[in-house]
PDB file of N, CA and C in Angstrom:
ATOM      1  N   MET A   1     -12.587   0.195  -7.110  1.00  0.00           N
ATOM      2  CA  MET A   1     -11.424   0.994  -6.787  1.00  0.00           C
ATOM      3  C   MET A   1     -11.675   1.775  -5.511  1.00  0.00           C
ATOM      4  N   LYS A   2     -10.590   1.974  -4.772  1.00  0.00           N
ATOM      5  CA  LYS A   2     -10.696   2.722  -3.531  1.00  0.00           C
ATOM      6  C   LYS A   2      -9.383   3.466  -3.311  1.00  0.00           C
ATOM      7  N   ASP A   3      -9.473   4.732  -2.946  1.00  0.00           N
ATOM      8  CA  ASP A   3      -8.285   5.541  -2.666  1.00  0.00           C
ATOM      9  C   ASP A   3      -7.914   5.374  -1.199  1.00  0.00           C
ATOM     10  N   VAL A   4      -6.747   4.778  -0.939  1.00  0.00           N
ATOM     11  CA  VAL A   4      -6.301   4.540   0.436  1.00  0.00           C
ATOM     12  C   VAL A   4      -5.062   5.374   0.777  1.00  0.00           C
ATOM     13  N   THR A   5      -4.861   6.444   0.045  1.00  0.00           N
ATOM     14  CA  THR A   5      -3.681   7.294   0.200  1.00  0.00           C
ATOM     15  C   THR A   5      -3.505   7.777   1.632  1.00  0.00           C
ATOM     16  N   GLU A   6      -4.543   8.335   2.217  1.00  0.00           N
ATOM     17  CA  GLU A   6      -4.423   8.903   3.576  1.00  0.00           C
ATOM     18  C   GLU A   6      -4.107   7.836   4.610  1.00  0.00           C
ATOM     19  N   VAL A   7      -4.694   6.656   4.487  1.00  0.00           N
ATOM     20  CA  VAL A   7      -4.406   5.558   5.420  1.00  0.00           C
ATOM     21  C   VAL A   7      -2.927   5.198   5.342  1.00  0.00           C
ATOM     22  N   LEU A   8      -2.397   5.082   4.127  1.00  0.00           N
ATOM     23  CA  LEU A   8      -0.986   4.732   3.960  1.00  0.00           C
ATOM     24  C   LEU A   8      -0.067   5.849   4.439  1.00  0.00           C
ATOM     25  N   ARG A   9      -0.408   7.096   4.154  1.00  0.00           N
ATOM     26  CA  ARG A   9       0.442   8.226   4.580  1.00  0.00           C
ATOM     27  C   ARG A   9       0.632   8.232   6.091  1.00  0.00           C
ATOM     28  N   LYS A  10      -0.402   7.874   6.827  1.00  0.00           N
ATOM     29  CA  LYS A  10      -0.316   7.866   8.289  1.00  0.00           C
ATOM     30  C   LYS A  10       0.620   6.771   8.793  1.00  0.00           C
ATOM     31  N   GLN A  11       0.884   5.760   7.972  1.00  0.00           N
ATOM     32  CA  GLN A  11       1.705   4.625   8.392  1.00  0.00           C
ATOM     33  C   GLN A  11       3.154   4.707   7.913  1.00  0.00           C
ATOM     34  N   VAL A  12       3.450   5.669   7.053  1.00  0.00           N
ATOM     35  CA  VAL A  12       4.808   5.788   6.512  1.00  0.00           C
ATOM     36  C   VAL A  12       5.759   6.213   7.622  1.00  0.00           C
ATOM     37  N   GLY A  13       6.907   5.546   7.672  1.00  0.00           N
ATOM     38  CA  GLY A  13       7.915   5.872   8.675  1.00  0.00           C
ATOM     39  C   GLY A  13       9.276   6.020   8.028  1.00  0.00           C
ATOM     40  N   GLY A  14      10.301   5.679   8.763  1.00  0.00           N
ATOM     41  CA  GLY A  14      11.666   5.843   8.290  1.00  0.00           C
ATOM     42  C   GLY A  14      12.205   4.672   7.493  1.00  0.00           C
ATOM     43  N   THR A  15      11.372   3.664   7.238  1.00  0.00           N
ATOM     44  CA  THR A  15      11.809   2.505   6.471  1.00  0.00           C
ATOM     45  C   THR A  15      10.852   2.288   5.298  1.00  0.00           C
ATOM     46  N   PRO A  16      11.259   1.486   4.318  1.00  0.00           N
ATOM     47  CA  PRO A  16      10.375   1.228   3.182  1.00  0.00           C
ATOM     48  C   PRO A  16       9.251   0.229   3.495  1.00  0.00           C
ATOM     49  N   LEU A  17       9.218  -0.281   4.724  1.00  0.00           N
ATOM     50  CA  LEU A  17       8.156  -1.189   5.142  1.00  0.00           C
ATOM     51  C   LEU A  17       7.019  -0.374   5.749  1.00  0.00           C
ATOM     52  N   ILE A  18       5.810  -0.582   5.262  1.00  0.00           N
ATOM     53  CA  ILE A  18       4.638   0.107   5.792  1.00  0.00           C
ATOM     54  C   ILE A  18       3.807  -0.922   6.543  1.00  0.00           C
ATOM     55  N   ALA A  19       3.679  -0.746   7.844  1.00  0.00           N
ATOM     56  CA  ALA A  19       2.927  -1.681   8.676  1.00  0.00           C
ATOM     57  C   ALA A  19       1.477  -1.231   8.768  1.00  0.00           C
ATOM     58  N   ILE A  20       0.577  -2.172   8.470  1.00  0.00           N
ATOM     59  CA  ILE A  20      -0.845  -1.889   8.636  1.00  0.00           C
ATOM     60  C   ILE A  20      -1.405  -2.895   9.625  1.00  0.00           C
ATOM     61  N   SER A  21      -2.484  -2.545  10.245  1.00  0.00           N
ATOM     62  CA  SER A  21      -3.114  -3.405  11.237  1.00  0.00           C
ATOM     63  C   SER A  21      -4.068  -4.371  10.547  1.00  0.00           C
ATOM     64  N   GLY A  22      -3.825  -5.663  10.682  1.00  0.00           N
ATOM     65  CA  GLY A  22      -4.695  -6.658  10.087  1.00  0.00           C
ATOM     66  C   GLY A  22      -4.495  -6.789   8.591  1.00  0.00           C
ATOM     67  N   ASN A  23      -5.537  -7.250   7.906  1.00  0.00           N
ATOM     68  CA  ASN A  23      -5.450  -7.411   6.456  1.00  0.00           C
ATOM     69  C   ASN A  23      -5.842  -6.111   5.762  1.00  0.00           C
ATOM     70  N   TYR A  24      -5.720  -6.076   4.445  1.00  0.00           N
ATOM     71  CA  TYR A  24      -6.023  -4.866   3.690  1.00  0.00           C
ATOM     72  C   TYR A  24      -7.459  -4.407   3.932  1.00  0.00           C
ATOM     73  N   ASN A  25      -8.408  -5.331   3.912  1.00  0.00           N
ATOM     74  CA  ASN A  25      -9.811  -4.936   4.080  1.00  0.00           C
ATOM     75  C   ASN A  25     -10.042  -4.255   5.420  1.00  0.00           C
ATOM     76  N   ALA A  26      -9.467  -4.791   6.478  1.00  0.00           N
ATOM     77  CA  ALA A  26      -9.625  -4.191   7.804  1.00  0.00           C
ATOM     78  C   ALA A  26      -8.931  -2.832   7.869  1.00  0.00           C
ATOM     79  N   ALA A  27      -7.733  -2.755   7.325  1.00  0.00           N
ATOM     80  CA  ALA A  27      -6.952  -1.518   7.401  1.00  0.00           C
ATOM     81  C   ALA A  27      -7.522  -0.406   6.524  1.00  0.00           C
ATOM     82  N   PHE A  28      -8.113  -0.780   5.389  1.00  0.00           N
ATOM     83  CA  PHE A  28      -8.572   0.216   4.423  1.00  0.00           C
ATOM     84  C   PHE A  28     -10.076   0.435   4.427  1.00  0.00           C
ATOM     85  N   GLY A  29     -10.770  -0.130   5.408  1.00  0.00           N
ATOM     86  CA  GLY A  29     -12.191   0.171   5.566  1.00  0.00           C
ATOM     87  C   GLY A  29     -13.150  -0.598   4.686  1.00  0.00           C
ATOM     88  N   GLY A  30     -12.830  -1.833   4.408  1.00  0.00           N
ATOM     89  CA  GLY A  30     -13.779  -2.663   3.670  1.00  0.00           C
ATOM     90  C   GLY A  30     -13.260  -3.130   2.335  1.00  0.00           C
ATOM     91  N   ASP A  31     -14.032  -4.005   1.728  1.00  0.00           N
ATOM     92  CA  ASP A  31     -13.683  -4.642   0.465  1.00  0.00           C
ATOM     93  C   ASP A  31     -14.494  -4.007  -0.660  1.00  0.00           C
ATOM     94  N   PRO A  32     -13.849  -3.290  -1.592  1.00  0.00           N
ATOM     95  CA  PRO A  32     -14.596  -2.617  -2.656  1.00  0.00           C
ATOM     96  C   PRO A  32     -15.132  -3.561  -3.736  1.00  0.00           C
ATOM     97  N   ALA A  33     -14.606  -4.785  -3.800  1.00  0.00           N
ATOM     98  CA  ALA A  33     -15.043  -5.735  -4.836  1.00  0.00           C
ATOM     99  C   ALA A  33     -14.935  -7.153  -4.293  1.00  0.00           C
ATOM    100  N   ARG A  34     -15.937  -7.579  -3.572  1.00  0.00           N
ATOM    101  CA  ARG A  34     -15.917  -8.920  -2.963  1.00  0.00           C
ATOM    102  C   ARG A  34     -15.811 -10.006  -4.018  1.00  0.00           C
ATOM    103  N   ARG A  35     -15.138 -11.073  -3.613  1.00  0.00           N
ATOM    104  CA  ARG A  35     -14.947 -12.261  -4.455  1.00  0.00           C
ATOM    105  C   ARG A  35     -14.209 -11.971  -5.761  1.00  0.00           C
ATOM    106  N   THR A  36     -13.446 -10.918  -5.774  1.00  0.00           N
ATOM    107  CA  THR A  36     -12.662 -10.553  -6.953  1.00  0.00           C
ATOM    108  C   THR A  36     -11.203 -10.402  -6.528  1.00  0.00           C
ATOM    109  N   PRO A  37     -10.270 -11.055  -7.226  1.00  0.00           N
ATOM    110  CA  PRO A  37      -8.859 -10.860  -6.884  1.00  0.00           C
ATOM    111  C   PRO A  37      -8.512  -9.370  -7.011  1.00  0.00           C
ATOM    112  N   GLN A  38      -7.780  -8.868  -6.013  1.00  0.00           N
ATOM    113  CA  GLN A  38      -7.477  -7.445  -5.972  1.00  0.00           C
ATOM    114  C   GLN A  38      -5.986  -7.213  -5.799  1.00  0.00           C
ATOM    115  N   SER A  39      -5.590  -5.995  -6.077  1.00  0.00           N
ATOM    116  CA  SER A  39      -4.195  -5.607  -5.892  1.00  0.00           C
ATOM    117  C   SER A  39      -4.153  -4.186  -5.347  1.00  0.00           C
ATOM    118  N   LEU A  40      -3.000  -3.833  -4.833  1.00  0.00           N
ATOM    119  CA  LEU A  40      -2.761  -2.495  -4.301  1.00  0.00           C
ATOM    120  C   LEU A  40      -1.585  -1.909  -5.071  1.00  0.00           C
ATOM    121  N   THR A  41      -1.796  -0.781  -5.724  1.00  0.00           N
ATOM    122  CA  THR A  41      -0.728  -0.099  -6.441  1.00  0.00           C
ATOM    123  C   THR A  41      -0.383   1.180  -5.694  1.00  0.00           C
ATOM    124  N   ILE A  42       0.904   1.349  -5.408  1.00  0.00           N
ATOM    125  CA  ILE A  42       1.378   2.512  -4.659  1.00  0.00           C
ATOM    126  C   ILE A  42       2.409   3.244  -5.516  1.00  0.00           C
ATOM    127  N   GLU A  43       2.181   4.526  -5.720  1.00  0.00           N
ATOM    128  CA  GLU A  43       3.165   5.391  -6.359  1.00  0.00           C
ATOM    129  C   GLU A  43       3.778   6.232  -5.245  1.00  0.00           C
ATOM    130  N   TYR A  44       5.098   6.322  -5.214  1.00  0.00           N
ATOM    131  CA  TYR A  44       5.777   6.973  -4.094  1.00  0.00           C
ATOM    132  C   TYR A  44       7.060   7.639  -4.554  1.00  0.00           C
ATOM    133  N   LYS A  45       7.672   8.386  -3.654  1.00  0.00           N
ATOM    134  CA  LYS A  45       8.984   8.985  -3.895  1.00  0.00           C
ATOM    135  C   LYS A  45       9.873   8.689  -2.695  1.00  0.00           C
ATOM    136  N   ILE A  46      11.107   8.320  -2.979  1.00  0.00           N
ATOM    137  CA  ILE A  46      12.133   8.151  -1.953  1.00  0.00           C
ATOM    138  C   ILE A  46      13.308   9.007  -2.394  1.00  0.00           C
ATOM    139  N   ASP A  47      13.703   9.931  -1.561  1.00  0.00           N
ATOM    140  CA  ASP A  47      14.777  10.881  -1.885  1.00  0.00           C
ATOM    141  C   ASP A  47      14.500  11.603  -3.208  1.00  0.00           C
ATOM    142  N   GLY A  48      13.230  11.948  -3.437  1.00  0.00           N
ATOM    143  CA  GLY A  48      12.845  12.692  -4.625  1.00  0.00           C
ATOM    144  C   GLY A  48      12.729  11.868  -5.895  1.00  0.00           C
ATOM    145  N   LYS A  49      13.021  10.561  -5.819  1.00  0.00           N
ATOM    146  CA  LYS A  49      12.960   9.698  -6.997  1.00  0.00           C
ATOM    147  C   LYS A  49      11.645   8.905  -6.976  1.00  0.00           C
ATOM    148  N   PRO A  50      10.888   8.939  -8.087  1.00  0.00           N
ATOM    149  CA  PRO A  50       9.597   8.255  -8.111  1.00  0.00           C
ATOM    150  C   PRO A  50       9.735   6.740  -8.248  1.00  0.00           C
ATOM    151  N   GLY A  51       8.797   6.050  -7.623  1.00  0.00           N
ATOM    152  CA  GLY A  51       8.730   4.604  -7.722  1.00  0.00           C
ATOM    153  C   GLY A  51       7.279   4.159  -7.762  1.00  0.00           C
ATOM    154  N   LYS A  52       7.080   2.918  -8.139  1.00  0.00           N
ATOM    155  CA  LYS A  52       5.725   2.373  -8.203  1.00  0.00           C
ATOM    156  C   LYS A  52       5.811   0.880  -7.924  1.00  0.00           C
ATOM    157  N   VAL A  53       4.887   0.371  -7.115  1.00  0.00           N
ATOM    158  CA  VAL A  53       4.853  -1.050  -6.813  1.00  0.00           C
ATOM    159  C   VAL A  53       3.392  -1.501  -6.816  1.00  0.00           C
ATOM    160  N   THR A  54       3.145  -2.706  -7.321  1.00  0.00           N
ATOM    161  CA  THR A  54       1.818  -3.308  -7.274  1.00  0.00           C
ATOM    162  C   THR A  54       1.923  -4.594  -6.476  1.00  0.00           C
ATOM    163  N   LEU A  55       1.057  -4.736  -5.481  1.00  0.00           N
ATOM    164  CA  LEU A  55       1.078  -5.873  -4.569  1.00  0.00           C
ATOM    165  C   LEU A  55      -0.223  -6.658  -4.660  1.00  0.00           C
ATOM    166  N   LYS A  56      -0.133  -7.964  -4.460  1.00  0.00           N
ATOM    167  CA  LYS A  56      -1.340  -8.784  -4.367  1.00  0.00           C
ATOM    168  C   LYS A  56      -2.012  -8.476  -3.039  1.00  0.00           C
ATOM    169  N   GLU A  57      -3.310  -8.719  -2.971  1.00  0.00           N
ATOM    170  CA  GLU A  57      -4.070  -8.440  -1.753  1.00  0.00           C
ATOM    171  C   GLU A  57      -3.430  -9.122  -0.547  1.00  0.00           C
ATOM    172  N   ASN A  58      -3.215  -8.337   0.499  1.00  0.00           N
ATOM    173  CA  ASN A  58      -2.667  -8.758   1.793  1.00  0.00           C
ATOM    174  C   ASN A  58      -1.180  -9.090   1.786  1.00  0.00           C
ATOM    175  N   ASP A  59      -0.473  -8.799   0.689  1.00  0.00           N
ATOM    176  CA  ASP A  59       0.988  -8.934   0.707  1.00  0.00           C
ATOM    177  C   ASP A  59       1.567  -7.897   1.663  1.00  0.00           C
ATOM    178  N   PRO A  60       2.723  -8.179   2.275  1.00  0.00           N
ATOM    179  CA  PRO A  60       3.392  -7.146   3.074  1.00  0.00           C
ATOM    180  C   PRO A  60       3.697  -5.943   2.187  1.00  0.00           C
ATOM    181  N   ILE A  61       3.597  -4.753   2.736  1.00  0.00           N
ATOM    182  CA  ILE A  61       3.832  -3.539   1.951  1.00  0.00           C
ATOM    183  C   ILE A  61       5.281  -3.111   2.163  1.00  0.00           C
ATOM    184  N   LEU A  62       6.092  -3.426   1.175  1.00  0.00           N
ATOM    185  CA  LEU A  62       7.515  -3.083   1.194  1.00  0.00           C
ATOM    186  C   LEU A  62       7.828  -2.331  -0.093  1.00  0.00           C
ATOM    187  N   LEU A  63       8.204  -1.064   0.043  1.00  0.00           N
ATOM    188  CA  LEU A  63       8.483  -0.231  -1.123  1.00  0.00           C
ATOM    189  C   LEU A  63       9.900  -0.474  -1.615  1.00  0.00           C
ATOM    190  N   PRO A  64      10.057  -0.905  -2.871  1.00  0.00           N
ATOM    191  CA  PRO A  64      11.405  -1.106  -3.402  1.00  0.00           C
ATOM    192  C   PRO A  64      12.166   0.220  -3.457  1.00  0.00           C
ATOM    193  N   MET A  65      13.448   0.177  -3.123  1.00  0.00           N
ATOM    194  CA  MET A  65      14.276   1.373  -3.206  1.00  0.00           C
ATOM    195  C   MET A  65      14.434   1.748  -4.672  1.00  0.00           C
ATOM    196  N   VAL A  66      14.410   3.047  -4.953  1.00  0.00           N
ATOM    197  CA  VAL A  66      14.520   3.556  -6.306  1.00  0.00           C
ATOM    198  C   VAL A  66      15.968   3.871  -6.612  1.00  0.00           C
ATOM    199  N   LYS A  67      16.433   3.479  -7.783  1.00  0.00           N
ATOM    200  CA  LYS A  67      17.847   3.719  -8.171  1.00  0.00           C
ATOM    201  C   LYS A  67      18.001   5.093  -8.760  1.00  0.00           C
TER     202      LYS A  67
END
């Protein structure tokens, strides 16, 4: 496990798409569990409403809009 909160916060903009440079390992400072399938779980708020998304390693980071 690795906390990448600060890296993601720096990339948040005015859209639900979060752009990172390169793949997850490059953007987040290394691979915490080599040769193991990994995922990224993000808990967030949009307009005060909480949301949560889990992505496969290196998937584009697109936060679903919360209803």
